[in-house]
C-alpha atoms as a PDB file:
ATOM      1  CA  MET A   1     118.264 160.867 108.678  1.00  0.00           C
ATOM      2  CA  LYS A   2     120.450 163.055 106.571  1.00  0.00           C
ATOM      3  CA  LYS A   3     122.835 161.640 104.004  1.00  0.00           C
ATOM      4  CA  ASP A   4     125.630 163.962 105.175  1.00  0.00           C
ATOM      5  CA  ASP A   5     125.370 162.583 108.725  1.00  0.00           C
ATOM      6  CA  VAL A   6     125.529 158.997 107.477  1.00  0.00           C
ATOM      7  CA  LEU A   7     128.555 159.655 105.303  1.00  0.00           C
ATOM      8  CA  LYS A   8     130.305 161.530 108.110  1.00  0.00           C
ATOM      9  CA  HIS A   9     129.714 158.600 110.464  1.00  0.00           C
ATOM     10  CA  PHE A  10     131.285 156.218 107.936  1.00  0.00           C
ATOM     11  CA  GLY A  11     134.268 158.481 107.227  1.00  0.00           C
ATOM     12  CA  ASP A  12     132.830 159.914 103.989  1.00  0.00           C
ATOM     13  CA  ASP A  13     133.091 156.420 102.507  1.00  0.00           C
ATOM     14  CA  SER A  14     130.057 155.482 100.406  1.00  0.00           C
ATOM     15  CA  TYR A  15     131.542 151.993  99.957  1.00  0.00           C
ATOM     16  CA  ALA A  16     131.431 151.439 103.735  1.00  0.00           C
ATOM     17  CA  VAL A  17     127.812 152.627 103.924  1.00  0.00           C
ATOM     18  CA  ALA A  18     126.848 150.368 101.035  1.00  0.00           C
ATOM     19  CA  ALA A  19     128.626 147.368 102.541  1.00  0.00           C
ATOM     20  CA  ALA A  20     126.931 147.909 105.909  1.00  0.00           C
ATOM     21  CA  LEU A  21     123.496 147.967 104.262  1.00  0.00           C
ATOM     22  CA  GLY A  22     124.151 145.303 101.636  1.00  0.00           C
ATOM     23  CA  ILE A  23     123.447 147.692  98.757  1.00  0.00           C
ATOM     24  CA  THR A  24     125.554 149.170  95.986  1.00  0.00           C
ATOM     25  CA  ARG A  25     127.721 152.250  96.290  1.00  0.00           C
ATOM     26  CA  GLN A  26     125.762 153.730  93.396  1.00  0.00           C
ATOM     27  CA  ALA A  27     122.534 153.400  95.375  1.00  0.00           C
ATOM     28  CA  VAL A  28     124.089 155.317  98.270  1.00  0.00           C
ATOM     29  CA  GLU A  29     125.373 158.025  95.948  1.00  0.00           C
ATOM     30  CA  LYS A  30     121.892 158.462  94.427  1.00  0.00           C
ATOM     31  CA  TRP A  31     120.263 159.048  97.817  1.00  0.00           C
ATOM     32  CA  PRO A  32     118.572 162.418  98.219  1.00  0.00           C
ATOM     33  CA  PRO A  33     119.655 164.669 101.128  1.00  0.00           C
ATOM     34  CA  VAL A  34     117.224 162.768 103.408  1.00  0.00           C
ATOM     35  CA  ILE A  35     117.936 159.071 102.980  1.00  0.00           C
ATOM     36  CA  PRO A  36     115.203 156.452 102.444  1.00  0.00           C
ATOM     37  CA  GLU A  37     113.324 155.730 105.654  1.00  0.00           C
ATOM     38  CA  ARG A  38     113.927 151.978 105.630  1.00  0.00           C
ATOM     39  CA  CYS A  39     117.681 152.555 105.318  1.00  0.00           C
ATOM     40  CA  ALA A  40     117.572 155.023 108.187  1.00  0.00           C
ATOM     41  CA  TYR A  41     115.971 152.478 110.515  1.00  0.00           C
ATOM     42  CA  ARG A  42     118.507 149.848 109.477  1.00  0.00           C
ATOM     43  CA  LEU A  43     121.380 152.251 110.131  1.00  0.00           C
ATOM     44  CA  VAL A  44     120.078 153.022 113.621  1.00  0.00           C
ATOM     45  CA  ALA A  45     120.196 149.299 114.373  1.00  0.00           C
ATOM     46  CA  LEU A  46     123.547 148.698 112.659  1.00  0.00           C
ATOM     47  CA  THR A  47     125.218 151.577 114.504  1.00  0.00           C
ATOM     48  CA  LYS A  48     123.586 150.627 117.806  1.00  0.00           C
ATOM     49  CA  GLY A  49     121.933 154.021 118.023  1.00  0.00           C
ATOM     50  CA  ARG A  50     124.955 156.175 117.213  1.00  0.00           C
ATOM     51  CA  LEU A  51     123.063 157.408 114.150  1.00  0.00           C
ATOM     52  CA  LYS A  52     119.671 158.779 115.143  1.00  0.00           C
ATOM     53  CA  MET A  53     116.369 158.536 113.327  1.00  0.00           C
ATOM     54  CA  THR A  54     114.451 161.795 112.946  1.00  0.00           C
ATOM     55  CA  PRO A  55     110.826 160.816 112.211  1.00  0.00           C
ATOM     56  CA  ALA A  56     109.869 164.435 111.466  1.00  0.00           C
ATOM     57  CA  LEU A  57     111.991 164.285 108.314  1.00  0.00           C
ATOM     58  CA  TYR A  58     109.648 161.621 106.937  1.00  0.00           C
ATOM     59  CA  GLU A  59     106.294 163.125 107.826  1.00  0.00           C
ATOM     60  CA  LYS A  60     104.130 164.076 104.901  1.00  0.00           C
ATOM     61  CA  PRO A  61     103.041 167.715 104.887  1.00  0.00           C
ATOM     62  CA  ARG A  62      99.456 168.140 105.997  1.00  0.00           C
ATOM     63  CA  ARG A  63      96.989 169.656 103.587  1.00  0.00           C
ATOM     64  CA  ARG A  64      95.258 172.756 104.770  1.00  0.00           C
ATOM     65  CA  THR A  65      91.528 172.863 104.296  1.00  0.00           C
END
């Protein structure tokens, strides 16, 4: 899940995102462009599926042999 999509859903309000997840605003602001996986799953549940999880964003690259 992308940080931009989360913020857009919450009206570009990092306080609202933080309150929904029970974390600090600073934690939200420190997220990388792809948010932590556990937060993504929680947001899917909290938004009743309006925000979508994209598992491919969290897959580790495969090593070529």
